Amino acid sequence: MQILIVKTSSLGDVIHTLPAVTDAKQRYPDLQFDWVVEEAFAEIPTWHPAIRHVIPVALRRWRKQILTTYLNGTWHQFKQTLNSNKYDKIIDAQGLIKSSFLSYQASGTRCGLDYNSAREPLASVAYQKRYNIFKNQHAVTRVRQLFANVLDYKLPNTPPEYGIKNHFSQQLNNKQIVFLHGTTWLTKHWPEDNWFKLAKLVTDVGLNIKVPWGNSDEQQRALRIAAVHKNISLIPKGSLHDLAIILAQSQAVVGVDTGLAHLAAALSIPSITLYGATQPAKTGTYGDNQQHLLANVPCSPCLNKKCSANLICYNDLSVKKVWEALEKLLSS
């Protein structure tokens, strides 16, 4: 049986889909999966042994130049690749209008969330088979349930298995900690001064720190963190694969609510993730060795990208609280 998965973005959402693939493959070993995903995240599905082909899409880029994309043949080439197979099932695991539009371009029975379950209810119009999946649960569980319903098997009563750890079997570096400081929302940022203070505590006990960055602002912040001690270094900008190798080698991760924290969780790296404006119940890091530190203030979680309260939620997530949690994590 040939299955097409449509889950284009974001980094965390793509990672959240991996356990469902593992479930389905364990139930039906002969399943063959292809996956439509945004070009920026196209390498992630290739890490899972059940994925046969990855079909990159560039909706984020194409929307900025719609006419050019159509006239230069890019869209035609994408549709030709998409229709090179007739699929038994097309699973839209995203539930958005854009993902349902992509599902509609492929050949096969289109399956997805029903009107009451989809993040964008109108997306359900494009599906031939619709499934009601309870909203008030974690995204990983929702996708696992969707796959189980579409492919007609009982949802395993086991923790999620992302299926990518073996791709990154690396020797553990017992002295390496990764700081995931970068995130797109201003309201998700832990104060920079807190990173400096935590960095001093970590290096004072003889540990090394690795700091990734993805844009010029993050690079400048990473350089300021690195200036705290000689045992702090920036991770060279490279592919997600390169970064995943470094995460897989690390003893622990401290991070804000960002996509890379989900990658660390998928690799079962012991992690402490900080939640102020957001909360982990539905979309937080999920898996082995994951600890969530939540701000305990009346306005948290606000789920807003802008803050009118001077980010007071992060006053509650003090350096002392994070350091105590990290010490306990390292000792265990």
Protein backbone atom coordinates (compact mmCIF):
# COMPACT_ATOMS: atom_id res chain seq x y z
CA MET A 1 0.00 0.00 0.00
CA GLN A 2 1.32 3.45 -0.96
CA ILE A 3 0.60 6.38 1.36
CA LEU A 4 1.22 10.08 0.77
CA ILE A 5 1.68 12.26 3.87
CA VAL A 6 1.06 15.99 3.58
CA LYS A 7 2.64 17.85 6.50
CA THR A 8 4.57 20.82 5.19
CA SER A 9 5.64 22.81 8.25
CA SER A 10 6.73 23.94 10.81
CA LEU A 11 9.80 22.18 12.21
CA GLY A 12 7.98 21.06 15.35
CA ASP A 13 4.86 19.99 13.44
CA VAL A 14 6.88 17.88 11.02
CA ILE A 15 8.67 16.16 13.93
CA HIS A 16 5.34 15.56 15.69
CA THR A 17 4.22 13.45 12.71
CA LEU A 18 7.09 10.96 12.89
CA PRO A 19 5.65 8.73 15.69
CA ALA A 20 2.51 8.11 13.61
CA VAL A 21 4.70 6.85 10.77
CA THR A 22 6.45 4.48 13.19
CA ASP A 23 3.09 3.16 14.46
CA ALA A 24 1.77 2.51 10.98
CA LYS A 25 4.95 0.84 9.75
CA GLN A 26 5.01 -1.48 12.77
CA ARG A 27 1.41 -2.48 12.11
CA TYR A 28 1.83 -2.85 8.34
CA PRO A 29 5.49 -3.51 7.44
CA ASP A 30 4.80 -3.34 3.69
CA LEU A 31 3.53 0.25 3.76
CA GLN A 32 5.42 2.71 1.55
CA PHE A 33 5.34 6.37 2.53
CA ASP A 34 6.02 9.50 0.49
CA TRP A 35 5.91 12.92 2.17
CA VAL A 36 5.13 16.44 0.93
CA VAL A 37 7.03 18.95 3.08
CA GLU A 38 8.37 22.50 2.88
CA GLU A 39 11.84 22.62 1.33
CA ALA A 40 13.40 24.01 4.53
CA PHE A 41 12.43 20.82 6.40
CA ALA A 42 12.79 18.31 3.55
CA GLU A 43 15.68 16.43 5.17
CA ILE A 44 13.71 15.51 8.30
CA PRO A 45 11.46 12.79 6.79
CA THR A 46 14.52 11.20 5.14
CA TRP A 47 15.85 10.31 8.61
CA HIS A 48 12.96 7.90 9.16
CA PRO A 49 13.53 4.48 7.56
CA ALA A 50 9.85 4.14 6.53
CA ILE A 51 9.92 7.14 4.19
CA ARG A 52 10.52 6.24 0.55
CA HIS A 53 10.43 9.61 -1.21
CA VAL A 54 10.29 13.21 -0.04
CA ILE A 55 8.53 15.73 -2.29
CA PRO A 56 9.68 19.27 -1.40
CA VAL A 57 7.24 22.12 -1.75
CA ALA A 58 7.99 25.84 -1.47
CA LEU A 59 4.64 27.49 -0.77
CA ARG A 60 6.26 30.12 1.43
CA ARG A 61 8.48 31.18 -1.47
CA TRP A 62 6.02 30.57 -4.30
CA ARG A 63 3.33 32.77 -2.76
CA LYS A 64 5.66 35.75 -3.12
CA GLN A 65 6.03 35.12 -6.88
CA ILE A 66 2.89 33.29 -7.97
CA LEU A 67 3.01 34.29 -11.65
CA THR A 68 6.69 33.44 -12.04
CA THR A 69 6.20 30.07 -10.36
CA TYR A 70 3.43 29.21 -12.78
CA LEU A 71 5.06 30.53 -15.96
CA ASN A 72 8.53 29.04 -15.41
CA GLY A 73 7.14 25.53 -15.01
CA THR A 74 7.96 25.13 -11.30
CA TRP A 75 4.35 24.43 -10.34
CA HIS A 76 3.87 22.05 -13.28
CA GLN A 77 7.00 20.13 -12.31
CA PHE A 78 5.81 19.83 -8.72
CA LYS A 79 2.41 18.49 -9.84
CA GLN A 80 4.10 16.07 -12.23
CA THR A 81 6.23 14.69 -9.39
CA LEU A 82 3.21 14.51 -7.10
CA ASN A 83 1.22 12.55 -9.69
CA SER A 84 3.97 10.12 -10.64
CA ASN A 85 2.28 7.70 -8.19
CA LYS A 86 -1.34 6.87 -7.54
CA TYR A 87 -1.67 6.58 -3.77
CA ASP A 88 -3.99 4.29 -1.88
CA LYS A 89 -4.39 6.95 0.81
CA ILE A 90 -3.41 10.62 1.02
CA ILE A 91 -3.20 11.72 4.66
CA ASP A 92 -3.32 15.45 5.30
CA ALA A 93 -1.84 15.53 8.79
CA GLN A 94 -1.93 19.32 9.00
CA GLY A 95 -5.55 20.30 8.62
CA LEU A 96 -4.94 23.67 6.98
CA ILE A 97 -6.37 25.11 3.78
CA LYS A 98 -2.90 25.16 2.21
CA SER A 99 -2.28 21.48 3.05
CA SER A 100 -5.73 20.42 1.82
CA PHE A 101 -5.02 22.29 -1.43
CA LEU A 102 -1.83 20.26 -1.87
CA SER A 103 -3.67 17.05 -1.02
CA TYR A 104 -6.20 17.86 -3.75
CA GLN A 105 -3.41 17.94 -6.36
CA ALA A 106 -2.43 14.29 -5.72
CA SER A 107 -4.10 11.15 -7.00
CA GLY A 108 -5.70 8.92 -4.37
CA THR A 109 -8.27 8.90 -1.58
CA ARG A 110 -7.87 12.12 0.37
CA CYS A 111 -8.14 11.68 4.16
CA GLY A 112 -8.02 14.24 6.93
CA LEU A 113 -9.63 15.83 9.96
CA ASP A 114 -13.33 16.67 9.92
CA TYR A 115 -14.81 20.16 10.22
CA ASN A 116 -14.78 20.10 14.02
CA SER A 117 -11.23 18.74 14.29
CA ALA A 118 -9.18 20.64 11.70
CA ARG A 119 -7.21 23.74 12.68
CA GLU A 120 -8.85 25.45 9.69
CA PRO A 121 -12.30 23.82 9.40
CA LEU A 122 -12.75 24.63 5.69
CA ALA A 123 -9.80 22.36 4.92
CA SER A 124 -12.09 19.37 5.53
CA VAL A 125 -14.05 20.14 2.37
CA ALA A 126 -11.17 18.78 0.26
CA TYR A 127 -11.16 15.33 1.91
CA GLN A 128 -13.10 12.27 0.79
CA LYS A 129 -12.67 10.59 4.19
CA ARG A 130 -12.99 12.72 7.33
CA TYR A 131 -12.18 11.78 10.92
CA ASN A 132 -13.11 13.33 14.23
CA ILE A 133 -10.04 13.60 16.47
CA PHE A 134 -10.47 15.16 19.91
CA LYS A 135 -8.75 18.56 19.93
CA ASN A 136 -7.85 18.88 23.60
CA GLN A 137 -4.78 16.63 23.54
CA HIS A 138 -1.17 16.78 22.40
CA ALA A 139 -0.45 17.15 18.68
CA VAL A 140 1.61 13.93 18.65
CA THR A 141 -1.34 11.95 19.99
CA ARG A 142 -3.75 13.58 17.54
CA VAL A 143 -1.63 12.64 14.53
CA ARG A 144 -1.13 9.10 15.83
CA GLN A 145 -4.90 8.75 16.20
CA LEU A 146 -5.52 10.13 12.72
CA PHE A 147 -3.15 7.59 11.12
CA ALA A 148 -4.70 4.77 13.14
CA ASN A 149 -8.19 5.73 11.97
CA VAL A 150 -7.21 6.21 8.33
CA LEU A 151 -5.26 2.94 8.14
CA ASP A 152 -7.65 0.98 10.39
CA TYR A 153 -5.51 -0.22 13.28
CA LYS A 154 -5.73 0.18 17.03
CA LEU A 155 -3.63 3.02 18.40
CA PRO A 156 -0.68 1.47 20.29
CA ASN A 157 -0.68 2.07 24.02
CA THR A 158 3.03 2.91 23.96
CA PRO A 159 5.08 6.12 24.23
CA PRO A 160 5.79 7.83 20.90
CA GLU A 161 8.74 6.48 18.94
CA TYR A 162 10.04 9.08 16.50
CA GLY A 163 12.13 6.55 14.59
CA ILE A 164 15.16 8.77 13.92
CA LYS A 165 17.54 8.07 16.84
CA ASN A 166 19.38 5.30 15.01
CA HIS A 167 20.10 7.72 12.18
CA PHE A 168 22.14 9.78 14.63
CA SER A 169 23.90 7.16 16.76
CA GLN A 170 26.72 9.22 18.16
CA GLN A 171 29.10 8.92 21.08
CA LEU A 172 27.74 10.92 24.02
CA ASN A 173 29.77 13.92 25.14
CA ASN A 174 29.26 13.99 28.90
CA LYS A 175 30.56 17.55 29.17
CA GLN A 176 28.47 19.21 26.44
CA ILE A 177 25.29 21.22 27.00
CA VAL A 178 23.36 22.98 24.21
CA PHE A 179 21.58 26.31 24.76
CA LEU A 180 18.60 26.78 22.42
CA HIS A 181 18.09 30.52 22.83
CA GLY A 182 16.58 31.41 19.44
CA THR A 183 12.86 31.57 18.64
CA THR A 184 10.60 33.51 16.30
CA TRP A 185 8.23 35.00 18.89
CA LEU A 186 9.55 37.89 20.96
CA THR A 187 7.38 36.65 23.85
CA LYS A 188 9.12 33.26 23.92
CA HIS A 189 12.57 34.70 24.59
CA TRP A 190 14.20 34.11 27.96
CA PRO A 191 16.02 37.35 28.96
CA GLU A 192 19.53 37.51 27.57
CA ASP A 193 21.04 38.33 30.95
CA ASN A 194 19.62 35.06 32.26
CA TRP A 195 21.50 33.14 29.58
CA PHE A 196 24.72 34.87 30.68
CA LYS A 197 24.18 33.93 34.32
CA LEU A 198 23.23 30.34 33.49
CA ALA A 199 26.27 30.06 31.21
CA LYS A 200 28.55 31.07 34.09
CA LEU A 201 27.00 28.45 36.39
CA VAL A 202 27.34 25.73 33.76
CA THR A 203 30.96 26.52 32.87
CA ASP A 204 31.91 26.91 36.55
CA VAL A 205 31.28 23.18 37.04
CA GLY A 206 33.51 22.30 34.07
CA LEU A 207 30.89 21.81 31.35
CA ASN A 208 31.12 23.04 27.77
CA ILE A 209 28.28 24.87 26.04
CA LYS A 210 27.33 24.83 22.36
CA VAL A 211 25.13 27.62 21.01
CA PRO A 212 23.35 27.44 17.63
CA TRP A 213 22.09 30.40 15.61
CA GLY A 214 19.91 30.84 12.55
CA ASN A 215 20.00 34.54 11.64
CA SER A 216 22.11 37.62 12.30
CA ASP A 217 20.26 38.62 15.50
CA GLU A 218 20.65 35.12 16.92
CA GLN A 219 24.30 35.07 15.89
CA GLN A 220 24.97 38.30 17.78
CA ARG A 221 23.20 36.95 20.88
CA ALA A 222 25.14 33.68 20.60
CA LEU A 223 28.41 35.63 20.41
CA ARG A 224 27.48 37.57 23.56
CA ILE A 225 26.70 34.31 25.38
CA ALA A 226 29.98 32.82 24.16
CA ALA A 227 31.87 35.82 25.55
CA VAL A 228 31.03 34.63 29.09
CA HIS A 229 33.62 31.84 29.03
CA LYS A 230 36.18 30.19 26.76
CA ASN A 231 34.32 26.86 27.00
CA ILE A 232 31.32 28.27 25.11
CA SER A 233 31.35 28.04 21.33
CA LEU A 234 28.99 28.74 18.48
CA ILE A 235 27.73 25.88 16.33
CA PRO A 236 28.63 26.69 12.70
CA LYS A 237 25.59 27.40 10.58
CA GLY A 238 24.81 24.27 8.59
CA SER A 239 22.06 21.80 7.83
CA LEU A 240 19.50 20.45 10.29
CA HIS A 241 21.33 17.13 9.95
CA ASP A 242 24.57 18.69 11.21
CA LEU A 243 22.77 20.28 14.14
CA ALA A 244 20.97 17.03 14.95
CA ILE A 245 24.34 15.27 15.25
CA ILE A 246 25.50 17.82 17.82
CA LEU A 247 22.24 17.48 19.76
CA ALA A 248 22.56 13.70 19.69
CA GLN A 249 26.05 13.96 21.20
CA SER A 250 24.98 16.26 24.02
CA GLN A 251 24.37 15.41 27.64
CA ALA A 252 21.49 17.87 27.98
CA VAL A 253 19.67 20.78 26.36
CA VAL A 254 18.23 23.96 27.84
CA GLY A 255 15.92 25.83 25.51
CA VAL A 256 12.96 28.05 24.92
CA ASP A 257 9.82 26.97 23.06
CA THR A 258 11.39 26.49 19.63
CA GLY A 259 11.44 23.90 16.86
CA LEU A 260 14.92 22.68 17.75
CA ALA A 261 13.66 21.72 21.22
CA HIS A 262 11.29 19.28 19.49
CA LEU A 263 14.22 17.84 17.55
CA ALA A 264 16.09 17.28 20.82
CA ALA A 265 12.99 15.54 22.22
CA ALA A 266 12.77 13.29 19.16
CA LEU A 267 16.37 12.25 19.82
CA SER A 268 15.55 11.58 23.51
CA ILE A 269 18.10 14.14 24.70
CA PRO A 270 17.40 15.15 28.33
CA SER A 271 15.98 18.65 28.02
CA ILE A 272 14.61 21.53 30.02
CA THR A 273 12.25 23.70 28.01
CA LEU A 274 10.97 27.06 29.24
CA TYR A 275 7.35 28.13 28.70
CA GLY A 276 6.17 31.64 29.48
CA ALA A 277 3.85 32.97 26.79
CA THR A 278 3.06 29.43 25.62
CA GLN A 279 2.21 26.15 27.31
CA PRO A 280 3.28 22.58 26.52
CA ALA A 281 0.02 20.66 26.94
CA LYS A 282 -0.83 20.54 23.23
CA THR A 283 2.36 21.43 21.38
CA GLY A 284 5.23 21.16 23.85
CA THR A 285 8.25 18.87 23.65
CA TYR A 286 7.03 15.31 23.97
CA GLY A 287 8.97 12.15 24.76
CA ASP A 288 11.59 10.67 27.06
CA ASN A 289 13.59 12.85 29.46
CA GLN A 290 11.63 16.05 28.80
CA GLN A 291 11.09 18.55 31.61
CA HIS A 292 8.88 21.62 31.20
CA LEU A 293 9.33 24.72 33.37
CA LEU A 294 6.18 26.85 33.26
CA ALA A 295 5.80 30.44 34.40
CA ASN A 296 3.35 30.82 37.25
CA VAL A 297 1.84 34.26 36.69
CA PRO A 298 -1.81 35.20 36.03
CA CYS A 299 -1.33 36.18 32.38
CA SER A 300 0.61 33.05 31.38
CA PRO A 301 0.15 31.47 28.94
CA CYS A 302 -1.10 34.43 26.90
CA LEU A 303 -0.31 32.77 23.52
CA ASN A 304 0.47 36.22 22.12
CA LYS A 305 3.42 37.27 20.00
CA LYS A 306 3.45 40.70 21.64
CA CYS A 307 3.52 41.44 25.37
CA SER A 308 2.06 44.45 27.20
CA ALA A 309 3.29 43.27 30.62
CA ASN A 310 7.07 43.55 30.15
CA LEU A 311 7.46 39.77 29.89
CA ILE A 312 6.84 39.33 33.62
CA CYS A 313 6.31 35.59 33.07
CA TYR A 314 10.06 35.18 32.74
CA ASN A 315 10.65 36.76 36.15
CA ASP A 316 9.12 33.58 37.52
CA LEU A 317 11.43 31.43 35.39
CA SER A 318 14.54 32.52 37.27
CA VAL A 319 18.11 31.44 36.64
CA LYS A 320 18.08 29.74 40.05
CA LYS A 321 15.03 27.65 39.11
CA VAL A 322 16.51 26.62 35.74
CA TRP A 323 19.92 25.82 37.23
CA GLU A 324 18.41 23.67 39.98
CA ALA A 325 16.42 21.74 37.39
CA LEU A 326 19.50 21.29 35.20
CA GLU A 327 21.62 20.09 38.13
CA LYS A 328 18.99 17.50 38.99
CA LEU A 329 18.73 16.42 35.34
CA LEU A 330 22.50 16.01 35.03
CA SER A 331 22.82 14.08 38.28
CA SER A 332 20.11 11.63 37.24
